[in-house]
PDB file of N, CA and C in Angstrom:
ATOM      1  N   MET A   1     -30.974 -33.216 -53.129  1.00  0.00           N
ATOM      2  CA  MET A   1     -30.941 -32.725 -54.559  1.00  0.00           C
ATOM      3  C   MET A   1     -29.991 -31.561 -54.677  1.00  0.00           C
ATOM      4  N   LEU A   2     -30.116 -30.538 -53.755  1.00  0.00           N
ATOM      5  CA  LEU A   2     -29.382 -29.402 -53.871  1.00  0.00           C
ATOM      6  C   LEU A   2     -27.866 -29.688 -53.795  1.00  0.00           C
ATOM      7  N   ILE A   3     -27.418 -30.685 -53.013  1.00  0.00           N
ATOM      8  CA  ILE A   3     -25.998 -31.054 -52.867  1.00  0.00           C
ATOM      9  C   ILE A   3     -25.604 -31.665 -54.212  1.00  0.00           C
ATOM     10  N   VAL A   4     -26.540 -32.586 -54.709  1.00  0.00           N
ATOM     11  CA  VAL A   4     -25.897 -33.093 -55.958  1.00  0.00           C
ATOM     12  C   VAL A   4     -25.721 -32.126 -57.104  1.00  0.00           C
ATOM     13  N   TRP A   5     -26.710 -31.142 -57.265  1.00  0.00           N
ATOM     14  CA  TRP A   5     -26.609 -30.207 -58.337  1.00  0.00           C
ATOM     15  C   TRP A   5     -25.364 -29.294 -57.989  1.00  0.00           C
ATOM     16  N   MET A   6     -25.066 -28.962 -56.812  1.00  0.00           N
ATOM     17  CA  MET A   6     -23.935 -28.125 -56.489  1.00  0.00           C
ATOM     18  C   MET A   6     -22.685 -28.794 -56.885  1.00  0.00           C
ATOM     19  N   MET A   7     -22.660 -30.116 -56.584  1.00  0.00           N
ATOM     20  CA  MET A   7     -21.449 -30.918 -56.847  1.00  0.00           C
ATOM     21  C   MET A   7     -21.246 -31.012 -58.402  1.00  0.00           C
ATOM     22  N   LEU A   8     -22.251 -31.224 -59.088  1.00  0.00           N
ATOM     23  CA  LEU A   8     -22.270 -31.168 -60.600  1.00  0.00           C
ATOM     24  C   LEU A   8     -21.736 -29.655 -61.203  1.00  0.00           C
ATOM     25  N   THR A   9     -22.232 -28.706 -60.669  1.00  0.00           N
ATOM     26  CA  THR A   9     -21.991 -27.453 -61.137  1.00  0.00           C
ATOM     27  C   THR A   9     -20.427 -26.999 -60.745  1.00  0.00           C
ATOM     28  N   LEU A  10     -19.995 -27.733 -59.686  1.00  0.00           N
ATOM     29  CA  LEU A  10     -18.609 -27.245 -59.270  1.00  0.00           C
ATOM     30  C   LEU A  10     -17.616 -27.795 -60.291  1.00  0.00           C
ATOM     31  N   GLN A  11     -17.894 -28.612 -61.059  1.00  0.00           N
ATOM     32  CA  GLN A  11     -16.952 -29.160 -62.201  1.00  0.00           C
ATOM     33  C   GLN A  11     -16.630 -28.155 -63.266  1.00  0.00           C
ATOM     34  N   SER A  12     -17.501 -27.168 -63.446  1.00  0.00           N
ATOM     35  CA  SER A  12     -17.129 -26.016 -64.226  1.00  0.00           C
ATOM     36  C   SER A  12     -16.392 -25.019 -63.680  1.00  0.00           C
ATOM     37  N   GLU A  13     -15.367 -24.535 -64.279  1.00  0.00           N
ATOM     38  CA  GLU A  13     -14.592 -23.407 -63.801  1.00  0.00           C
ATOM     39  C   GLU A  13     -15.200 -22.208 -63.518  1.00  0.00           C
ATOM     40  N   SER A  14     -16.299 -21.835 -64.524  1.00  0.00           N
ATOM     41  CA  SER A  14     -17.120 -20.601 -64.246  1.00  0.00           C
ATOM     42  C   SER A  14     -18.074 -20.593 -63.109  1.00  0.00           C
ATOM     43  N   HIS A  15     -18.395 -21.847 -62.579  1.00  0.00           N
ATOM     44  CA  HIS A  15     -19.296 -21.969 -61.437  1.00  0.00           C
ATOM     45  C   HIS A  15     -18.514 -21.834 -60.262  1.00  0.00           C
ATOM     46  N   VAL A  16     -17.138 -22.054 -60.271  1.00  0.00           N
ATOM     47  CA  VAL A  16     -16.434 -22.147 -58.845  1.00  0.00           C
ATOM     48  C   VAL A  16     -16.710 -20.604 -58.259  1.00  0.00           C
ATOM     49  N   LYS A  17     -16.444 -19.652 -59.106  1.00  0.00           N
ATOM     50  CA  LYS A  17     -16.557 -18.136 -58.551  1.00  0.00           C
ATOM     51  C   LYS A  17     -18.071 -18.061 -58.007  1.00  0.00           C
ATOM     52  N   LEU A  18     -19.213 -18.520 -58.825  1.00  0.00           N
ATOM     53  CA  LEU A  18     -20.391 -18.315 -58.248  1.00  0.00           C
ATOM     54  C   LEU A  18     -20.648 -19.127 -57.042  1.00  0.00           C
ATOM     55  N   PHE A  19     -19.825 -20.233 -56.876  1.00  0.00           N
ATOM     56  CA  PHE A  19     -20.118 -21.088 -55.597  1.00  0.00           C
ATOM     57  C   PHE A  19     -19.703 -20.357 -54.324  1.00  0.00           C
ATOM     58  N   GLU A  20     -18.523 -19.644 -54.433  1.00  0.00           N
ATOM     59  CA  GLU A  20     -18.045 -18.839 -53.435  1.00  0.00           C
ATOM     60  C   GLU A  20     -18.999 -17.728 -53.009  1.00  0.00           C
ATOM     61  N   SER A  21     -19.953 -17.314 -53.771  1.00  0.00           N
ATOM     62  CA  SER A  21     -20.824 -16.227 -53.485  1.00  0.00           C
ATOM     63  C   SER A  21     -22.310 -16.700 -53.345  1.00  0.00           C
ATOM     64  N   GLN A  22     -22.806 -17.343 -54.317  1.00  0.00           N
ATOM     65  CA  GLN A  22     -24.261 -17.959 -54.208  1.00  0.00           C
ATOM     66  C   GLN A  22     -24.487 -19.067 -53.751  1.00  0.00           C
ATOM     67  N   TYR A  23     -23.739 -20.246 -54.140  1.00  0.00           N
ATOM     68  CA  TYR A  23     -24.218 -21.538 -53.798  1.00  0.00           C
ATOM     69  C   TYR A  23     -23.753 -21.971 -52.406  1.00  0.00           C
ATOM     70  N   GLN A  24     -22.998 -21.018 -51.768  1.00  0.00           N
ATOM     71  CA  GLN A  24     -22.577 -21.548 -50.487  1.00  0.00           C
ATOM     72  C   GLN A  24     -23.605 -21.371 -49.488  1.00  0.00           C
ATOM     73  N   GLN A  25     -24.652 -20.623 -49.783  1.00  0.00           N
ATOM     74  CA  GLN A  25     -25.736 -20.413 -48.951  1.00  0.00           C
ATOM     75  C   GLN A  25     -26.766 -21.660 -48.910  1.00  0.00           C
ATOM     76  N   TYR A  26     -26.674 -22.412 -50.107  1.00  0.00           N
ATOM     77  CA  TYR A  26     -27.345 -23.783 -50.108  1.00  0.00           C
ATOM     78  C   TYR A  26     -26.956 -24.635 -49.077  1.00  0.00           C
ATOM     79  N   GLY A  27     -25.498 -24.861 -49.068  1.00  0.00           N
ATOM     80  CA  GLY A  27     -24.891 -25.829 -48.260  1.00  0.00           C
ATOM     81  C   GLY A  27     -25.194 -25.334 -46.706  1.00  0.00           C
ATOM     82  N   ALA A  28     -25.047 -24.015 -46.458  1.00  0.00           N
ATOM     83  CA  ALA A  28     -25.477 -23.594 -45.111  1.00  0.00           C
ATOM     84  C   ALA A  28     -26.799 -23.895 -44.700  1.00  0.00           C
ATOM     85  N   THR A  29     -27.598 -23.625 -45.668  1.00  0.00           N
ATOM     86  CA  THR A  29     -29.146 -24.025 -45.349  1.00  0.00           C
ATOM     87  C   THR A  29     -29.292 -25.720 -45.100  1.00  0.00           C
ATOM     88  N   ALA A  30     -28.575 -26.427 -46.180  1.00  0.00           N
ATOM     89  CA  ALA A  30     -28.683 -27.925 -45.895  1.00  0.00           C
ATOM     90  C   ALA A  30     -28.208 -28.354 -44.534  1.00  0.00           C
ATOM     91  N   LEU A  31     -27.143 -27.503 -44.146  1.00  0.00           N
ATOM     92  CA  LEU A  31     -26.618 -28.111 -42.752  1.00  0.00           C
ATOM     93  C   LEU A  31     -27.462 -27.687 -41.554  1.00  0.00           C
ATOM     94  N   ARG A  32     -28.039 -26.480 -41.750  1.00  0.00           N
ATOM     95  CA  ARG A  32     -29.018 -25.938 -40.713  1.00  0.00           C
ATOM     96  C   ARG A  32     -30.297 -26.996 -40.658  1.00  0.00           C
ATOM     97  N   MET A  33     -30.651 -27.544 -41.716  1.00  0.00           N
ATOM     98  CA  MET A  33     -31.728 -28.457 -41.675  1.00  0.00           C
ATOM     99  C   MET A  33     -31.295 -29.966 -41.526  1.00  0.00           C
ATOM    100  N   LYS A  34     -29.982 -30.151 -40.933  1.00  0.00           N
ATOM    101  CA  LYS A  34     -29.512 -31.457 -40.511  1.00  0.00           C
ATOM    102  C   LYS A  34     -29.673 -32.431 -41.666  1.00  0.00           C
ATOM    103  N   VAL A  35     -29.162 -32.217 -42.858  1.00  0.00           N
ATOM    104  CA  VAL A  35     -29.346 -32.860 -44.140  1.00  0.00           C
ATOM    105  C   VAL A  35     -28.677 -34.306 -43.768  1.00  0.00           C
ATOM    106  N   PHE A  36     -27.528 -34.488 -43.133  1.00  0.00           N
ATOM    107  CA  PHE A  36     -27.081 -35.832 -42.887  1.00  0.00           C
ATOM    108  C   PHE A  36     -27.999 -36.742 -42.185  1.00  0.00           C
ATOM    109  N   MET A  37     -28.641 -36.169 -41.157  1.00  0.00           N
ATOM    110  CA  MET A  37     -29.519 -36.941 -40.332  1.00  0.00           C
ATOM    111  C   MET A  37     -30.836 -37.322 -41.258  1.00  0.00           C
ATOM    112  N   PHE A  38     -31.301 -36.580 -42.032  1.00  0.00           N
ATOM    113  CA  PHE A  38     -32.309 -36.766 -42.847  1.00  0.00           C
ATOM    114  C   PHE A  38     -32.007 -37.864 -43.867  1.00  0.00           C
ATOM    115  N   ILE A  39     -30.825 -37.878 -44.418  1.00  0.00           N
ATOM    116  CA  ILE A  39     -30.427 -38.827 -45.448  1.00  0.00           C
ATOM    117  C   ILE A  39     -30.412 -40.218 -44.728  1.00  0.00           C
ATOM    118  N   GLN A  40     -29.872 -40.238 -43.574  1.00  0.00           N
ATOM    119  CA  GLN A  40     -29.720 -41.453 -42.866  1.00  0.00           C
ATOM    120  C   GLN A  40     -31.092 -41.937 -42.430  1.00  0.00           C
ATOM    121  N   GLN A  41     -32.083 -41.225 -42.121  1.00  0.00           N
ATOM    122  CA  GLN A  41     -33.405 -41.610 -41.976  1.00  0.00           C
ATOM    123  C   GLN A  41     -34.044 -42.208 -43.175  1.00  0.00           C
ATOM    124  N   MET A  42     -33.672 -41.351 -44.310  1.00  0.00           N
ATOM    125  CA  MET A  42     -34.365 -41.948 -45.529  1.00  0.00           C
ATOM    126  C   MET A  42     -33.744 -43.328 -46.063  1.00  0.00           C
ATOM    127  N   LEU A  43     -32.412 -43.391 -45.836  1.00  0.00           N
ATOM    128  CA  LEU A  43     -31.815 -44.716 -46.173  1.00  0.00           C
ATOM    129  C   LEU A  43     -32.150 -45.851 -45.200  1.00  0.00           C
ATOM    130  N   ASN A  44     -32.611 -45.478 -44.016  1.00  0.00           N
ATOM    131  CA  ASN A  44     -33.086 -46.564 -43.127  1.00  0.00           C
ATOM    132  C   ASN A  44     -34.521 -46.905 -43.134  1.00  0.00           C
ATOM    133  N   SER A  45     -35.277 -46.154 -44.129  1.00  0.00           N
ATOM    134  CA  SER A  45     -36.509 -46.419 -44.250  1.00  0.00           C
ATOM    135  C   SER A  45     -36.733 -47.845 -45.068  1.00  0.00           C
ATOM    136  N   SER A  46     -37.951 -48.304 -45.032  1.00  0.00           N
ATOM    137  CA  SER A  46     -38.255 -49.661 -45.615  1.00  0.00           C
ATOM    138  C   SER A  46     -37.878 -49.636 -47.191  1.00  0.00           C
ATOM    139  N   VAL A  47     -38.034 -48.553 -47.820  1.00  0.00           N
ATOM    140  CA  VAL A  47     -37.669 -48.647 -49.263  1.00  0.00           C
ATOM    141  C   VAL A  47     -36.223 -48.696 -49.587  1.00  0.00           C
ATOM    142  N   TYR A  48     -35.430 -48.225 -48.598  1.00  0.00           N
ATOM    143  CA  TYR A  48     -33.910 -48.267 -49.132  1.00  0.00           C
ATOM    144  C   TYR A  48     -33.088 -49.319 -48.021  1.00  0.00           C
ATOM    145  N   SER A  49     -33.754 -49.769 -47.111  1.00  0.00           N
ATOM    146  CA  SER A  49     -32.941 -50.781 -46.188  1.00  0.00           C
ATOM    147  C   SER A  49     -33.022 -52.291 -46.536  1.00  0.00           C
ATOM    148  N   ASP A  50     -33.646 -52.567 -47.660  1.00  0.00           N
ATOM    149  CA  ASP A  50     -33.726 -53.865 -48.084  1.00  0.00           C
ATOM    150  C   ASP A  50     -32.528 -54.294 -48.876  1.00  0.00           C
ATOM    151  N   ASP A  51     -32.448 -55.575 -49.367  1.00  0.00           N
ATOM    152  CA  ASP A  51     -31.373 -56.088 -50.194  1.00  0.00           C
ATOM    153  C   ASP A  51     -31.633 -55.913 -51.657  1.00  0.00           C
ATOM    154  N   SER A  52     -32.350 -55.072 -52.071  1.00  0.00           N
ATOM    155  CA  SER A  52     -32.836 -54.993 -53.466  1.00  0.00           C
ATOM    156  C   SER A  52     -31.655 -54.101 -54.204  1.00  0.00           C
ATOM    157  N   LYS A  53     -31.723 -54.189 -55.574  1.00  0.00           N
ATOM    158  CA  LYS A  53     -30.607 -53.586 -56.429  1.00  0.00           C
ATOM    159  C   LYS A  53     -30.832 -51.907 -56.178  1.00  0.00           C
ATOM    160  N   CYS A  54     -31.983 -51.391 -56.223  1.00  0.00           N
ATOM    161  CA  CYS A  54     -32.345 -50.135 -56.117  1.00  0.00           C
ATOM    162  C   CYS A  54     -31.808 -49.520 -54.664  1.00  0.00           C
ATOM    163  N   ALA A  55     -31.989 -50.336 -53.562  1.00  0.00           N
ATOM    164  CA  ALA A  55     -31.320 -49.895 -52.387  1.00  0.00           C
ATOM    165  C   ALA A  55     -29.813 -49.841 -52.375  1.00  0.00           C
ATOM    166  N   LEU A  56     -29.199 -50.756 -53.041  1.00  0.00           N
ATOM    167  CA  LEU A  56     -27.741 -50.888 -52.933  1.00  0.00           C
ATOM    168  C   LEU A  56     -27.335 -49.684 -54.000  1.00  0.00           C
ATOM    169  N   ILE A  57     -27.898 -49.459 -55.013  1.00  0.00           N
ATOM    170  CA  ILE A  57     -27.552 -48.411 -55.786  1.00  0.00           C
ATOM    171  C   ILE A  57     -27.553 -46.947 -55.138  1.00  0.00           C
ATOM    172  N   MET A  58     -28.735 -46.848 -54.537  1.00  0.00           N
ATOM    173  CA  MET A  58     -28.905 -45.547 -53.561  1.00  0.00           C
ATOM    174  C   MET A  58     -27.939 -45.403 -52.576  1.00  0.00           C
ATOM    175  N   ARG A  59     -27.619 -46.384 -51.793  1.00  0.00           N
ATOM    176  CA  ARG A  59     -26.660 -46.333 -50.921  1.00  0.00           C
ATOM    177  C   ARG A  59     -25.221 -46.175 -51.412  1.00  0.00           C
ATOM    178  N   GLN A  60     -24.908 -46.648 -52.537  1.00  0.00           N
ATOM    179  CA  GLN A  60     -23.600 -46.539 -53.168  1.00  0.00           C
ATOM    180  C   GLN A  60     -23.408 -45.144 -53.734  1.00  0.00           C
ATOM    181  N   ARG A  61     -24.518 -44.527 -54.169  1.00  0.00           N
ATOM    182  CA  ARG A  61     -24.493 -43.065 -54.678  1.00  0.00           C
ATOM    183  C   ARG A  61     -24.209 -42.172 -53.597  1.00  0.00           C
ATOM    184  N   VAL A  62     -25.026 -42.329 -52.455  1.00  0.00           N
ATOM    185  CA  VAL A  62     -24.913 -41.548 -51.369  1.00  0.00           C
ATOM    186  C   VAL A  62     -23.390 -41.494 -50.731  1.00  0.00           C
ATOM    187  N   PHE A  63     -22.847 -42.685 -50.716  1.00  0.00           N
ATOM    188  CA  PHE A  63     -21.663 -42.913 -50.227  1.00  0.00           C
ATOM    189  C   PHE A  63     -20.630 -42.193 -51.084  1.00  0.00           C
ATOM    190  N   ARG A  64     -20.722 -42.203 -52.391  1.00  0.00           N
ATOM    191  CA  ARG A  64     -19.891 -41.486 -53.260  1.00  0.00           C
ATOM    192  C   ARG A  64     -19.908 -40.006 -53.289  1.00  0.00           C
ATOM    193  N   LEU A  65     -21.228 -39.647 -53.002  1.00  0.00           N
ATOM    194  CA  LEU A  65     -21.424 -38.182 -52.894  1.00  0.00           C
ATOM    195  C   LEU A  65     -20.860 -37.673 -51.614  1.00  0.00           C
ATOM    196  N   LEU A  66     -20.924 -38.419 -50.435  1.00  0.00           N
ATOM    197  CA  LEU A  66     -20.296 -37.980 -49.307  1.00  0.00           C
ATOM    198  C   LEU A  66     -18.865 -38.025 -49.332  1.00  0.00           C
ATOM    199  N   ASN A  67     -18.282 -39.003 -49.991  1.00  0.00           N
ATOM    200  CA  ASN A  67     -16.933 -39.113 -50.349  1.00  0.00           C
ATOM    201  C   ASN A  67     -16.526 -37.732 -50.910  1.00  0.00           C
ATOM    202  N   GLU A  68     -17.123 -37.382 -51.993  1.00  0.00           N
ATOM    203  CA  GLU A  68     -16.806 -36.197 -52.814  1.00  0.00           C
ATOM    204  C   GLU A  68     -16.715 -34.968 -51.872  1.00  0.00           C
ATOM    205  N   LEU A  69     -17.746 -34.804 -51.248  1.00  0.00           N
ATOM    206  CA  LEU A  69     -18.134 -33.584 -50.370  1.00  0.00           C
ATOM    207  C   LEU A  69     -16.893 -33.544 -49.313  1.00  0.00           C
ATOM    208  N   CYS A  70     -16.624 -34.640 -48.641  1.00  0.00           N
ATOM    209  CA  CYS A  70     -15.715 -34.631 -47.715  1.00  0.00           C
ATOM    210  C   CYS A  70     -14.158 -34.315 -48.297  1.00  0.00           C
ATOM    211  N   ASP A  71     -13.970 -34.769 -49.492  1.00  0.00           N
ATOM    212  CA  ASP A  71     -12.763 -34.490 -50.222  1.00  0.00           C
ATOM    213  C   ASP A  71     -12.497 -32.988 -50.545  1.00  0.00           C
ATOM    214  N   ARG A  72     -13.640 -32.396 -50.832  1.00  0.00           N
ATOM    215  CA  ARG A  72     -13.578 -30.963 -51.195  1.00  0.00           C
ATOM    216  C   ARG A  72     -13.682 -30.141 -50.089  1.00  0.00           C
ATOM    217  N   PHE A  73     -14.540 -30.316 -49.053  1.00  0.00           N
ATOM    218  CA  PHE A  73     -14.984 -29.285 -48.063  1.00  0.00           C
ATOM    219  C   PHE A  73     -14.431 -29.672 -46.634  1.00  0.00           C
ATOM    220  N   ASP A  74     -13.803 -30.832 -46.396  1.00  0.00           N
ATOM    221  CA  ASP A  74     -13.427 -31.141 -45.127  1.00  0.00           C
ATOM    222  C   ASP A  74     -11.988 -30.949 -44.734  1.00  0.00           C
ATOM    223  N   GLY A  75     -11.394 -29.889 -45.354  1.00  0.00           N
ATOM    224  CA  GLY A  75      -9.823 -29.639 -45.022  1.00  0.00           C
ATOM    225  C   GLY A  75      -9.726 -29.338 -43.730  1.00  0.00           C
ATOM    226  N   ASP A  76     -10.711 -28.559 -43.141  1.00  0.00           N
ATOM    227  CA  ASP A  76     -10.471 -27.885 -41.706  1.00  0.00           C
ATOM    228  C   ASP A  76     -11.217 -28.982 -40.677  1.00  0.00           C
ATOM    229  N   GLY A  77     -12.027 -29.911 -41.174  1.00  0.00           N
ATOM    230  CA  GLY A  77     -12.738 -30.735 -40.240  1.00  0.00           C
ATOM    231  C   GLY A  77     -13.900 -30.344 -39.944  1.00  0.00           C
ATOM    232  N   THR A  78     -14.504 -29.348 -40.528  1.00  0.00           N
ATOM    233  CA  THR A  78     -15.938 -28.838 -40.361  1.00  0.00           C
ATOM    234  C   THR A  78     -16.957 -29.900 -40.702  1.00  0.00           C
ATOM    235  N   MET A  79     -16.764 -30.561 -42.027  1.00  0.00           N
ATOM    236  CA  MET A  79     -17.742 -31.626 -42.351  1.00  0.00           C
ATOM    237  C   MET A  79     -17.950 -32.669 -41.174  1.00  0.00           C
ATOM    238  N   SER A  80     -16.815 -33.022 -40.814  1.00  0.00           N
ATOM    239  CA  SER A  80     -16.860 -34.277 -39.936  1.00  0.00           C
ATOM    240  C   SER A  80     -17.564 -33.972 -38.552  1.00  0.00           C
ATOM    241  N   GLN A  81     -17.629 -32.639 -38.304  1.00  0.00           N
ATOM    242  CA  GLN A  81     -18.269 -32.257 -37.135  1.00  0.00           C
ATOM    243  C   GLN A  81     -19.752 -31.968 -37.186  1.00  0.00           C
ATOM    244  N   GLN A  82     -20.391 -32.066 -38.336  1.00  0.00           N
ATOM    245  CA  GLN A  82     -21.790 -31.934 -38.627  1.00  0.00           C
ATOM    246  C   GLN A  82     -22.559 -33.160 -37.996  1.00  0.00           C
ATOM    247  N   PRO A  83     -23.716 -32.615 -37.323  1.00  0.00           N
ATOM    248  CA  PRO A  83     -24.533 -33.758 -36.746  1.00  0.00           C
ATOM    249  C   PRO A  83     -25.115 -34.980 -37.720  1.00  0.00           C
ATOM    250  N   GLY A  84     -24.771 -35.989 -37.455  1.00  0.00           N
ATOM    251  CA  GLY A  84     -25.248 -37.275 -38.079  1.00  0.00           C
ATOM    252  C   GLY A  84     -24.385 -37.763 -39.192  1.00  0.00           C
ATOM    253  N   ILE A  85     -23.303 -36.994 -39.574  1.00  0.00           N
ATOM    254  CA  ILE A  85     -22.443 -37.529 -40.777  1.00  0.00           C
ATOM    255  C   ILE A  85     -21.709 -38.784 -40.417  1.00  0.00           C
ATOM    256  N   MET A  86     -21.278 -38.902 -39.182  1.00  0.00           N
ATOM    257  CA  MET A  86     -20.430 -40.026 -38.739  1.00  0.00           C
ATOM    258  C   MET A  86     -21.243 -41.435 -38.632  1.00  0.00           C
ATOM    259  N   THR A  87     -22.558 -41.171 -38.175  1.00  0.00           N
ATOM    260  CA  THR A  87     -23.421 -42.260 -38.115  1.00  0.00           C
ATOM    261  C   THR A  87     -23.849 -42.650 -39.596  1.00  0.00           C
ATOM    262  N   LEU A  88     -24.091 -41.744 -40.318  1.00  0.00           N
ATOM    263  CA  LEU A  88     -24.496 -41.957 -41.688  1.00  0.00           C
ATOM    264  C   LEU A  88     -23.354 -42.687 -42.429  1.00  0.00           C
ATOM    265  N   CYS A  89     -22.117 -42.201 -42.290  1.00  0.00           N
ATOM    266  CA  CYS A  89     -21.027 -43.008 -42.796  1.00  0.00           C
ATOM    267  C   CYS A  89     -20.780 -44.432 -42.482  1.00  0.00           C
ATOM    268  N   ALA A  90     -21.021 -44.447 -41.120  1.00  0.00           N
ATOM    269  CA  ALA A  90     -20.948 -45.864 -40.624  1.00  0.00           C
ATOM    270  C   ALA A  90     -21.985 -46.836 -41.098  1.00  0.00           C
ATOM    271  N   ASP A  91     -23.248 -46.219 -41.265  1.00  0.00           N
ATOM    272  CA  ASP A  91     -24.181 -47.132 -41.938  1.00  0.00           C
ATOM    273  C   ASP A  91     -23.954 -47.612 -43.362  1.00  0.00           C
ATOM    274  N   LEU A  92     -23.364 -46.468 -44.024  1.00  0.00           N
ATOM    275  CA  LEU A  92     -22.985 -46.712 -45.519  1.00  0.00           C
ATOM    276  C   LEU A  92     -21.933 -47.735 -45.624  1.00  0.00           C
ATOM    277  N   ILE A  93     -21.036 -47.777 -44.642  1.00  0.00           N
ATOM    278  CA  ILE A  93     -19.798 -48.672 -44.750  1.00  0.00           C
ATOM    279  C   ILE A  93     -20.337 -50.003 -44.616  1.00  0.00           C
ATOM    280  N   LYS A  94     -21.262 -50.281 -43.709  1.00  0.00           N
ATOM    281  CA  LYS A  94     -21.863 -51.548 -43.575  1.00  0.00           C
ATOM    282  C   LYS A  94     -22.419 -52.271 -44.761  1.00  0.00           C
ATOM    283  N   THR A  95     -22.856 -51.374 -45.661  1.00  0.00           N
ATOM    284  CA  THR A  95     -23.505 -51.971 -47.043  1.00  0.00           C
ATOM    285  C   THR A  95     -22.462 -52.679 -47.863  1.00  0.00           C
ATOM    286  N   PRO A  96     -22.806 -53.898 -48.251  1.00  0.00           N
ATOM    287  CA  PRO A  96     -21.812 -54.727 -49.090  1.00  0.00           C
ATOM    288  C   PRO A  96     -21.589 -53.877 -50.382  1.00  0.00           C
TER     289      PRO A  96
END
């Protein structure tokens, strides 16, 4: 939820300066909590691993969020080095 909120607030010019000082700590906390591994476990649960419309929408939204995160913050390759992100991306790519 913090990642989604952060991405939405980054659309505003006034929030970009706040991000550099305040919001960055949320990202660091999420990475320490191994957020990508948690998201993968959540998507592999029985609720989201079936072929339902809800599961498909959830997987597509997470994929788009990861795409946006990597576009914005992986210029130096630090995002791609985070634990669990590559396996999460691989699982999401397998989704039709």
